[in-house]
Amino acid sequence: MLQLRSSYRRSAGVLLLLPPAATAQQRKRLSSGPQQKHRSFYEFRTYNIRPDQNAAFLKLTNEKIHLRTAHSELIGYWSVEYGGLNKVFHIWKYDSYSQRAGVRAALSRDPFWISEYISKAIPMLRSQDNEVNYLVPWSHLQRPPKEGGVYELASFQMHPGGPAVWGDTFQAAVTSHDAPGYGKLVGAFHSECGLLNRVHALWWFESADQRAEVRRRAHSDARVVAAVRNCVGHLDSQENKLMFPCPFSPLK
């Protein structure tokens, strides 16, 4: 115990004697990284559909989605094809948490929403999940160059510490793929509610085959390989899903 206490005093002494510049650097490392410039956030929703109800759910949603979009902005709505079966994934934008609370309250009082959609849709679902995300400061939501194609949501669980620890290497890894001949980055996001230290990159490709070709090319691109290697040291796990936009999705 005496040895531990002595070590603690020596460590504390070192910290106290740090010059102002080093102390500022310590604070920077402990900060959360670049701050969000806007209050707007994006709610990611994933619904697991009962296998025998998948077609019926998609048909109902296609016919009645206008009852939901009358209340808030839908960014995109996709059916998952690879990386999960009988799932839909959708993104909704809100200007603030109070706006979202108001939308939820309005939906609970909307008789058409309740009777024509949600009362019929809920029995078709096995589970629902959501996550609040912000666009990372260096990313902007962008439309693909044309409609159609396939979207990939690549999700990365990073080590605790936040963007101050791994933000630069994540940015370098993502932007190395956002180049001519590769996929189109639609947006990069950082989780706020749900699993923390989680980041997502939403990509667009002309087809699943084009994505496969891009993957093969990336494995031999020294620039991409170096950026990815610098990032993987901060990575705990990753997953992805390939998705096709529904007919009513704003992002097609």
C-alpha atoms as a PDB file:
ATOM      1  CA  MET A   1       0.000   0.000   0.000  1.00  0.00           C
ATOM      2  CA  LEU A   2       2.870   2.365   0.887  1.00  0.00           C
ATOM      3  CA  GLN A   3       4.483   1.723  -2.476  1.00  0.00           C
ATOM      4  CA  LEU A   4       1.211   2.427  -4.275  1.00  0.00           C
ATOM      5  CA  ARG A   5       0.742   5.699  -2.402  1.00  0.00           C
ATOM      6  CA  SER A   6       4.292   6.803  -3.226  1.00  0.00           C
ATOM      7  CA  SER A   7       3.732   6.007  -6.890  1.00  0.00           C
ATOM      8  CA  TYR A   8       0.509   7.994  -6.830  1.00  0.00           C
ATOM      9  CA  ARG A   9       2.290  11.027  -5.332  1.00  0.00           C
ATOM     10  CA  ARG A  10       5.009  10.862  -7.969  1.00  0.00           C
ATOM     11  CA  SER A  11       2.384  10.607 -10.739  1.00  0.00           C
ATOM     12  CA  ALA A  12       0.380  13.476  -9.288  1.00  0.00           C
ATOM     13  CA  GLY A  13       3.543  15.550  -9.056  1.00  0.00           C
ATOM     14  CA  VAL A  14       4.281  14.988 -12.720  1.00  0.00           C
ATOM     15  CA  LEU A  15       0.796  16.147 -13.640  1.00  0.00           C
ATOM     16  CA  LEU A  16       1.092  19.245 -11.491  1.00  0.00           C
ATOM     17  CA  LEU A  17       4.401  20.193 -13.099  1.00  0.00           C
ATOM     18  CA  LEU A  18       3.142  19.867 -16.672  1.00  0.00           C
ATOM     19  CA  PRO A  19       3.643  23.091 -18.670  1.00  0.00           C
ATOM     20  CA  PRO A  20       0.488  24.942 -19.799  1.00  0.00           C
ATOM     21  CA  ALA A  21       0.777  23.643 -23.374  1.00  0.00           C
ATOM     22  CA  ALA A  22       0.918  20.028 -22.195  1.00  0.00           C
ATOM     23  CA  THR A  23      -2.001  20.595 -19.847  1.00  0.00           C
ATOM     24  CA  ALA A  24      -4.049  22.009 -22.714  1.00  0.00           C
ATOM     25  CA  GLN A  25      -3.147  18.972 -24.790  1.00  0.00           C
ATOM     26  CA  GLN A  26      -4.358  16.719 -21.961  1.00  0.00           C
ATOM     27  CA  ARG A  27      -7.687  18.554 -21.912  1.00  0.00           C
ATOM     28  CA  LYS A  28      -7.965  18.266 -25.692  1.00  0.00           C
ATOM     29  CA  ARG A  29      -7.470  14.491 -25.536  1.00  0.00           C
ATOM     30  CA  LEU A  30     -10.193  14.219 -22.903  1.00  0.00           C
ATOM     31  CA  SER A  31     -12.679  16.354 -24.843  1.00  0.00           C
ATOM     32  CA  SER A  32     -15.358  14.900 -27.083  1.00  0.00           C
ATOM     33  CA  GLY A  33     -13.802  16.199 -30.297  1.00  0.00           C
ATOM     34  CA  PRO A  34     -15.364  18.564 -32.843  1.00  0.00           C
ATOM     35  CA  GLN A  35     -18.729  19.835 -31.665  1.00  0.00           C
ATOM     36  CA  GLN A  36     -21.938  19.636 -33.681  1.00  0.00           C
ATOM     37  CA  LYS A  37     -22.738  22.907 -35.410  1.00  0.00           C
ATOM     38  CA  HIS A  38     -26.469  22.262 -35.721  1.00  0.00           C
ATOM     39  CA  ARG A  39     -29.177  20.868 -33.460  1.00  0.00           C
ATOM     40  CA  SER A  40     -30.679  18.760 -36.251  1.00  0.00           C
ATOM     41  CA  PHE A  41     -30.391  15.024 -35.758  1.00  0.00           C
ATOM     42  CA  TYR A  42     -31.333  11.854 -37.578  1.00  0.00           C
ATOM     43  CA  GLU A  43     -33.308   9.012 -36.073  1.00  0.00           C
ATOM     44  CA  PHE A  44     -32.331   5.618 -37.458  1.00  0.00           C
ATOM     45  CA  ARG A  45     -35.125   3.066 -37.194  1.00  0.00           C
ATOM     46  CA  THR A  46     -34.905  -0.657 -37.889  1.00  0.00           C
ATOM     47  CA  TYR A  47     -38.011  -2.851 -37.927  1.00  0.00           C
ATOM     48  CA  ASN A  48     -37.867  -6.637 -37.904  1.00  0.00           C
ATOM     49  CA  ILE A  49     -40.902  -7.947 -39.770  1.00  0.00           C
ATOM     50  CA  ARG A  50     -42.582 -11.283 -39.288  1.00  0.00           C
ATOM     51  CA  PRO A  51     -41.448 -13.398 -42.266  1.00  0.00           C
ATOM     52  CA  ASP A  52     -45.000 -14.196 -43.342  1.00  0.00           C
ATOM     53  CA  GLN A  53     -45.924 -10.491 -43.223  1.00  0.00           C
ATOM     54  CA  ASN A  54     -42.999  -8.897 -45.063  1.00  0.00           C
ATOM     55  CA  ALA A  55     -44.802  -8.315 -48.366  1.00  0.00           C
ATOM     56  CA  ALA A  56     -47.977  -7.137 -46.626  1.00  0.00           C
ATOM     57  CA  PHE A  57     -46.043  -4.684 -44.439  1.00  0.00           C
ATOM     58  CA  LEU A  58     -44.235  -3.156 -47.400  1.00  0.00           C
ATOM     59  CA  LYS A  59     -47.497  -2.847 -49.336  1.00  0.00           C
ATOM     60  CA  LEU A  60     -49.289  -1.181 -46.422  1.00  0.00           C
ATOM     61  CA  THR A  61     -46.404   1.223 -45.822  1.00  0.00           C
ATOM     62  CA  ASN A  62     -46.220   2.129 -49.498  1.00  0.00           C
ATOM     63  CA  GLU A  63     -49.930   3.006 -49.465  1.00  0.00           C
ATOM     64  CA  LYS A  64     -50.024   4.861 -46.139  1.00  0.00           C
ATOM     65  CA  ILE A  65     -46.606   6.442 -45.655  1.00  0.00           C
ATOM     66  CA  HIS A  66     -48.085   9.846 -46.498  1.00  0.00           C
ATOM     67  CA  LEU A  67     -49.884   9.752 -43.147  1.00  0.00           C
ATOM     68  CA  ARG A  68     -46.465   9.679 -41.454  1.00  0.00           C
ATOM     69  CA  THR A  69     -44.573  12.083 -43.707  1.00  0.00           C
ATOM     70  CA  ALA A  70     -47.272  14.686 -43.085  1.00  0.00           C
ATOM     71  CA  HIS A  71     -45.720  15.093 -39.623  1.00  0.00           C
ATOM     72  CA  SER A  72     -41.933  15.086 -40.194  1.00  0.00           C
ATOM     73  CA  GLU A  73     -39.248  14.680 -42.836  1.00  0.00           C
ATOM     74  CA  LEU A  74     -38.388  11.234 -44.130  1.00  0.00           C
ATOM     75  CA  ILE A  75     -34.838  10.993 -45.508  1.00  0.00           C
ATOM     76  CA  GLY A  76     -34.924   7.433 -46.779  1.00  0.00           C
ATOM     77  CA  TYR A  77     -36.688   4.095 -46.405  1.00  0.00           C
ATOM     78  CA  TRP A  78     -35.050   0.822 -47.457  1.00  0.00           C
ATOM     79  CA  SER A  79     -35.712  -2.890 -47.518  1.00  0.00           C
ATOM     80  CA  VAL A  80     -32.700  -4.892 -46.327  1.00  0.00           C
ATOM     81  CA  GLU A  81     -31.554  -7.487 -48.868  1.00  0.00           C
ATOM     82  CA  TYR A  82     -28.182  -8.650 -47.497  1.00  0.00           C
ATOM     83  CA  GLY A  83     -27.039  -8.552 -43.885  1.00  0.00           C
ATOM     84  CA  GLY A  84     -30.494  -9.242 -42.476  1.00  0.00           C
ATOM     85  CA  LEU A  85     -33.773 -10.711 -43.667  1.00  0.00           C
ATOM     86  CA  ASN A  86     -37.286  -9.307 -43.321  1.00  0.00           C
ATOM     87  CA  LYS A  87     -36.042  -5.925 -42.144  1.00  0.00           C
ATOM     88  CA  VAL A  88     -36.636  -2.326 -43.111  1.00  0.00           C
ATOM     89  CA  PHE A  89     -34.385   0.591 -42.248  1.00  0.00           C
ATOM     90  CA  HIS A  90     -35.464   4.231 -42.332  1.00  0.00           C
ATOM     91  CA  ILE A  91     -34.054   7.641 -41.421  1.00  0.00           C
ATOM     92  CA  TRP A  92     -36.057  10.600 -40.111  1.00  0.00           C
ATOM     93  CA  LYS A  93     -34.742  14.126 -39.629  1.00  0.00           C
ATOM     94  CA  TYR A  94     -35.658  16.395 -36.706  1.00  0.00           C
ATOM     95  CA  ASP A  95     -34.591  19.947 -35.920  1.00  0.00           C
ATOM     96  CA  SER A  96     -34.637  19.324 -32.155  1.00  0.00           C
ATOM     97  CA  TYR A  97     -35.756  16.866 -29.505  1.00  0.00           C
ATOM     98  CA  SER A  98     -38.720  19.085 -28.735  1.00  0.00           C
ATOM     99  CA  GLN A  99     -39.809  18.891 -32.374  1.00  0.00           C
ATOM    100  CA  ARG A 100     -39.639  15.092 -32.254  1.00  0.00           C
ATOM    101  CA  ALA A 101     -41.666  15.054 -29.015  1.00  0.00           C
ATOM    102  CA  GLY A 102     -44.278  17.231 -30.707  1.00  0.00           C
ATOM    103  CA  VAL A 103     -44.410  14.902 -33.705  1.00  0.00           C
ATOM    104  CA  ARG A 104     -44.891  11.870 -31.475  1.00  0.00           C
ATOM    105  CA  ALA A 105     -47.679  13.629 -29.584  1.00  0.00           C
ATOM    106  CA  ALA A 106     -49.394  14.640 -32.829  1.00  0.00           C
ATOM    107  CA  LEU A 107     -49.221  11.081 -34.176  1.00  0.00           C
ATOM    108  CA  SER A 108     -50.826   9.738 -31.022  1.00  0.00           C
ATOM    109  CA  ARG A 109     -53.806  12.026 -31.702  1.00  0.00           C
ATOM    110  CA  ASP A 110     -54.025  11.384 -35.459  1.00  0.00           C
ATOM    111  CA  PRO A 111     -57.031   9.087 -36.007  1.00  0.00           C
ATOM    112  CA  PHE A 112     -56.085   8.263 -39.606  1.00  0.00           C
ATOM    113  CA  TRP A 113     -52.524   7.302 -38.661  1.00  0.00           C
ATOM    114  CA  ILE A 114     -53.814   5.083 -35.870  1.00  0.00           C
ATOM    115  CA  SER A 115     -56.679   3.388 -37.660  1.00  0.00           C
ATOM    116  CA  GLU A 116     -55.302   3.124 -41.186  1.00  0.00           C
ATOM    117  CA  TYR A 117     -51.663   2.331 -40.502  1.00  0.00           C
ATOM    118  CA  ILE A 118     -50.129   1.793 -37.082  1.00  0.00           C
ATOM    119  CA  SER A 119     -52.870  -0.484 -35.694  1.00  0.00           C
ATOM    120  CA  LYS A 120     -52.388  -2.736 -38.743  1.00  0.00           C
ATOM    121  CA  ALA A 121     -48.592  -2.478 -38.969  1.00  0.00           C
ATOM    122  CA  ILE A 122     -47.642  -3.253 -35.361  1.00  0.00           C
ATOM    123  CA  PRO A 123     -48.972  -6.857 -35.416  1.00  0.00           C
ATOM    124  CA  MET A 124     -46.779  -7.482 -38.483  1.00  0.00           C
ATOM    125  CA  LEU A 125     -43.581  -6.624 -36.612  1.00  0.00           C
ATOM    126  CA  ARG A 126     -41.368  -8.747 -34.402  1.00  0.00           C
ATOM    127  CA  SER A 127     -39.345  -5.840 -32.967  1.00  0.00           C
ATOM    128  CA  GLN A 128     -38.403  -2.184 -33.423  1.00  0.00           C
ATOM    129  CA  ASP A 129     -35.129  -0.415 -32.691  1.00  0.00           C
ATOM    130  CA  ASN A 130     -33.981   3.176 -32.951  1.00  0.00           C
ATOM    131  CA  GLU A 131     -30.815   5.236 -32.594  1.00  0.00           C
ATOM    132  CA  VAL A 132     -30.211   8.986 -32.608  1.00  0.00           C
ATOM    133  CA  ASN A 133     -27.346  10.145 -34.820  1.00  0.00           C
ATOM    134  CA  TYR A 134     -25.745  13.399 -35.883  1.00  0.00           C
ATOM    135  CA  LEU A 135     -23.927  13.955 -39.130  1.00  0.00           C
ATOM    136  CA  VAL A 136     -20.222  14.149 -38.325  1.00  0.00           C
ATOM    137  CA  PRO A 137     -18.946  17.738 -38.729  1.00  0.00           C
ATOM    138  CA  TRP A 138     -17.100  17.004 -41.988  1.00  0.00           C
ATOM    139  CA  SER A 139     -20.035  15.249 -43.693  1.00  0.00           C
ATOM    140  CA  HIS A 140     -23.099  16.575 -45.477  1.00  0.00           C
ATOM    141  CA  LEU A 141     -26.113  14.583 -46.597  1.00  0.00           C
ATOM    142  CA  GLN A 142     -25.824  14.081 -50.354  1.00  0.00           C
ATOM    143  CA  ARG A 143     -28.010  12.539 -53.020  1.00  0.00           C
ATOM    144  CA  PRO A 144     -26.645   9.793 -55.284  1.00  0.00           C
ATOM    145  CA  PRO A 145     -25.822  10.784 -58.876  1.00  0.00           C
ATOM    146  CA  LYS A 146     -28.885   8.877 -60.100  1.00  0.00           C
ATOM    147  CA  GLU A 147     -31.847   6.879 -58.819  1.00  0.00           C
ATOM    148  CA  GLY A 148     -31.784   3.131 -58.330  1.00  0.00           C
ATOM    149  CA  GLY A 149     -28.779   1.117 -57.285  1.00  0.00           C
ATOM    150  CA  VAL A 150     -28.057  -0.318 -53.872  1.00  0.00           C
ATOM    151  CA  TYR A 151     -27.251   1.358 -50.561  1.00  0.00           C
ATOM    152  CA  GLU A 152     -24.825   0.055 -47.962  1.00  0.00           C
ATOM    153  CA  LEU A 153     -25.020   1.013 -44.301  1.00  0.00           C
ATOM    154  CA  ALA A 154     -21.617   0.228 -42.784  1.00  0.00           C
ATOM    155  CA  SER A 155     -21.608   0.516 -38.975  1.00  0.00           C
ATOM    156  CA  PHE A 156     -18.489   0.629 -36.804  1.00  0.00           C
ATOM    157  CA  GLN A 157     -18.278   0.179 -33.043  1.00  0.00           C
ATOM    158  CA  MET A 158     -15.254   2.196 -31.969  1.00  0.00           C
ATOM    159  CA  HIS A 159     -13.276   2.094 -28.735  1.00  0.00           C
ATOM    160  CA  PRO A 160     -14.540   4.390 -25.950  1.00  0.00           C
ATOM    161  CA  GLY A 161     -13.138   7.902 -26.039  1.00  0.00           C
ATOM    162  CA  GLY A 162     -15.121   9.562 -28.797  1.00  0.00           C
ATOM    163  CA  PRO A 163     -14.012  11.468 -31.903  1.00  0.00           C
ATOM    164  CA  ALA A 164     -11.161  13.141 -30.007  1.00  0.00           C
ATOM    165  CA  VAL A 165      -9.487   9.731 -29.936  1.00  0.00           C
ATOM    166  CA  TRP A 166     -10.429   8.155 -33.277  1.00  0.00           C
ATOM    167  CA  GLY A 167     -12.212  10.861 -35.298  1.00  0.00           C
ATOM    168  CA  ASP A 168      -9.321  11.766 -37.599  1.00  0.00           C
ATOM    169  CA  THR A 169      -8.470   8.184 -38.520  1.00  0.00           C
ATOM    170  CA  PHE A 170     -12.143   7.342 -39.118  1.00  0.00           C
ATOM    171  CA  GLN A 171     -12.495  10.353 -41.404  1.00  0.00           C
ATOM    172  CA  ALA A 172      -9.387   9.357 -43.338  1.00  0.00           C
ATOM    173  CA  ALA A 173     -10.599   5.769 -43.744  1.00  0.00           C
ATOM    174  CA  VAL A 174     -14.039   6.826 -44.988  1.00  0.00           C
ATOM    175  CA  THR A 175     -12.913   9.607 -47.300  1.00  0.00           C
ATOM    176  CA  SER A 176     -10.278   7.347 -48.867  1.00  0.00           C
ATOM    177  CA  HIS A 177     -13.198   5.357 -50.326  1.00  0.00           C
ATOM    178  CA  ASP A 178     -15.148   8.463 -51.385  1.00  0.00           C
ATOM    179  CA  ALA A 179     -13.292   8.943 -54.656  1.00  0.00           C
ATOM    180  CA  PRO A 180     -13.897   8.466 -58.386  1.00  0.00           C
ATOM    181  CA  GLY A 181     -14.270   4.796 -59.194  1.00  0.00           C
ATOM    182  CA  TYR A 182     -15.508   3.953 -55.715  1.00  0.00           C
ATOM    183  CA  GLY A 183     -18.889   4.305 -54.032  1.00  0.00           C
ATOM    184  CA  LYS A 184     -20.729   7.553 -53.338  1.00  0.00           C
ATOM    185  CA  LEU A 185     -20.801   8.629 -49.690  1.00  0.00           C
ATOM    186  CA  VAL A 186     -24.345   9.733 -48.851  1.00  0.00           C
ATOM    187  CA  GLY A 187     -23.552  10.630 -45.234  1.00  0.00           C
ATOM    188  CA  ALA A 188     -21.393   9.777 -42.219  1.00  0.00           C
ATOM    189  CA  PHE A 189     -23.020   9.720 -38.795  1.00  0.00           C
ATOM    190  CA  HIS A 190     -22.040   9.523 -35.117  1.00  0.00           C
ATOM    191  CA  SER A 191     -24.375   8.027 -32.511  1.00  0.00           C
ATOM    192  CA  GLU A 192     -25.816  10.143 -29.701  1.00  0.00           C
ATOM    193  CA  CYS A 193     -28.419   7.784 -28.197  1.00  0.00           C
ATOM    194  CA  GLY A 194     -28.210   4.009 -28.423  1.00  0.00           C
ATOM    195  CA  LEU A 195     -24.831   2.301 -28.650  1.00  0.00           C
ATOM    196  CA  LEU A 196     -22.259   5.037 -28.036  1.00  0.00           C
ATOM    197  CA  ASN A 197     -18.944   5.417 -29.872  1.00  0.00           C
ATOM    198  CA  ARG A 198     -20.724   4.061 -32.924  1.00  0.00           C
ATOM    199  CA  VAL A 199     -20.323   5.565 -36.375  1.00  0.00           C
ATOM    200  CA  HIS A 200     -22.084   4.828 -39.649  1.00  0.00           C
ATOM    201  CA  ALA A 201     -21.243   5.429 -43.283  1.00  0.00           C
ATOM    202  CA  LEU A 202     -24.144   5.337 -45.740  1.00  0.00           C
ATOM    203  CA  TRP A 203     -22.948   4.534 -49.268  1.00  0.00           C
ATOM    204  CA  TRP A 204     -24.558   4.291 -52.687  1.00  0.00           C
ATOM    205  CA  PHE A 205     -23.468   1.967 -55.489  1.00  0.00           C
ATOM    206  CA  GLU A 206     -24.881   1.425 -58.962  1.00  0.00           C
ATOM    207  CA  SER A 207     -25.407  -2.257 -58.133  1.00  0.00           C
ATOM    208  CA  ALA A 208     -24.333  -4.970 -55.731  1.00  0.00           C
ATOM    209  CA  ASP A 209     -21.919  -6.206 -58.382  1.00  0.00           C
ATOM    210  CA  GLN A 210     -20.349  -2.764 -58.684  1.00  0.00           C
ATOM    211  CA  ARG A 211     -19.876  -2.715 -54.923  1.00  0.00           C
ATOM    212  CA  ALA A 212     -18.144  -6.109 -55.081  1.00  0.00           C
ATOM    213  CA  GLU A 213     -15.792  -4.791 -57.742  1.00  0.00           C
ATOM    214  CA  VAL A 214     -15.069  -1.681 -55.655  1.00  0.00           C
ATOM    215  CA  ARG A 215     -14.192  -3.893 -52.692  1.00  0.00           C
ATOM    216  CA  ARG A 216     -11.724  -5.885 -54.782  1.00  0.00           C
ATOM    217  CA  ARG A 217     -10.127  -2.689 -56.080  1.00  0.00           C
ATOM    218  CA  ALA A 218      -9.832  -1.209 -52.579  1.00  0.00           C
ATOM    219  CA  HIS A 219      -7.846  -4.214 -51.333  1.00  0.00           C
ATOM    220  CA  SER A 220      -5.043  -3.372 -53.763  1.00  0.00           C
ATOM    221  CA  ASP A 221      -5.188   0.427 -53.402  1.00  0.00           C
ATOM    222  CA  ALA A 222      -2.231   1.396 -51.163  1.00  0.00           C
ATOM    223  CA  ARG A 223      -3.865   4.712 -50.234  1.00  0.00           C
ATOM    224  CA  VAL A 224      -7.048   3.014 -49.008  1.00  0.00           C
ATOM    225  CA  VAL A 225      -5.210   0.163 -47.285  1.00  0.00           C
ATOM    226  CA  ALA A 226      -3.004   2.579 -45.318  1.00  0.00           C
ATOM    227  CA  ALA A 227      -5.973   4.677 -44.164  1.00  0.00           C
ATOM    228  CA  VAL A 228      -7.926   1.604 -43.065  1.00  0.00           C
ATOM    229  CA  ARG A 229      -4.953   0.141 -41.187  1.00  0.00           C
ATOM    230  CA  ASN A 230      -4.571   3.362 -39.204  1.00  0.00           C
ATOM    231  CA  CYS A 231      -8.236   3.163 -38.199  1.00  0.00           C
ATOM    232  CA  VAL A 232      -8.641  -0.506 -37.251  1.00  0.00           C
ATOM    233  CA  GLY A 233      -6.665  -0.062 -34.037  1.00  0.00           C
ATOM    234  CA  HIS A 234      -9.594   1.976 -32.700  1.00  0.00           C
ATOM    235  CA  LEU A 235     -12.230  -0.511 -33.881  1.00  0.00           C
ATOM    236  CA  ASP A 236     -14.100  -3.043 -31.740  1.00  0.00           C
ATOM    237  CA  SER A 237     -16.467  -4.483 -34.344  1.00  0.00           C
ATOM    238  CA  GLN A 238     -18.244  -3.688 -37.575  1.00  0.00           C
ATOM    239  CA  GLU A 239     -21.280  -4.801 -39.528  1.00  0.00           C
ATOM    240  CA  ASN A 240     -23.075  -3.839 -42.693  1.00  0.00           C
ATOM    241  CA  LYS A 241     -26.237  -4.341 -44.679  1.00  0.00           C
ATOM    242  CA  LEU A 242     -27.090  -3.847 -48.333  1.00  0.00           C
ATOM    243  CA  MET A 243     -30.479  -2.284 -48.930  1.00  0.00           C
ATOM    244  CA  PHE A 244     -32.769  -1.353 -51.780  1.00  0.00           C
ATOM    245  CA  PRO A 245     -34.817   1.868 -51.559  1.00  0.00           C
ATOM    246  CA  CYS A 246     -38.584   1.472 -51.333  1.00  0.00           C
ATOM    247  CA  PRO A 247     -40.647   3.169 -54.076  1.00  0.00           C
ATOM    248  CA  PHE A 248     -41.710   5.966 -51.724  1.00  0.00           C
ATOM    249  CA  SER A 249     -38.212   6.638 -50.336  1.00  0.00           C
ATOM    250  CA  PRO A 250     -36.947  10.212 -50.943  1.00  0.00           C
ATOM    251  CA  LEU A 251     -33.457   8.772 -51.363  1.00  0.00           C
ATOM    252  CA  LYS A 252     -33.817   6.362 -54.287  1.00  0.00           C
END
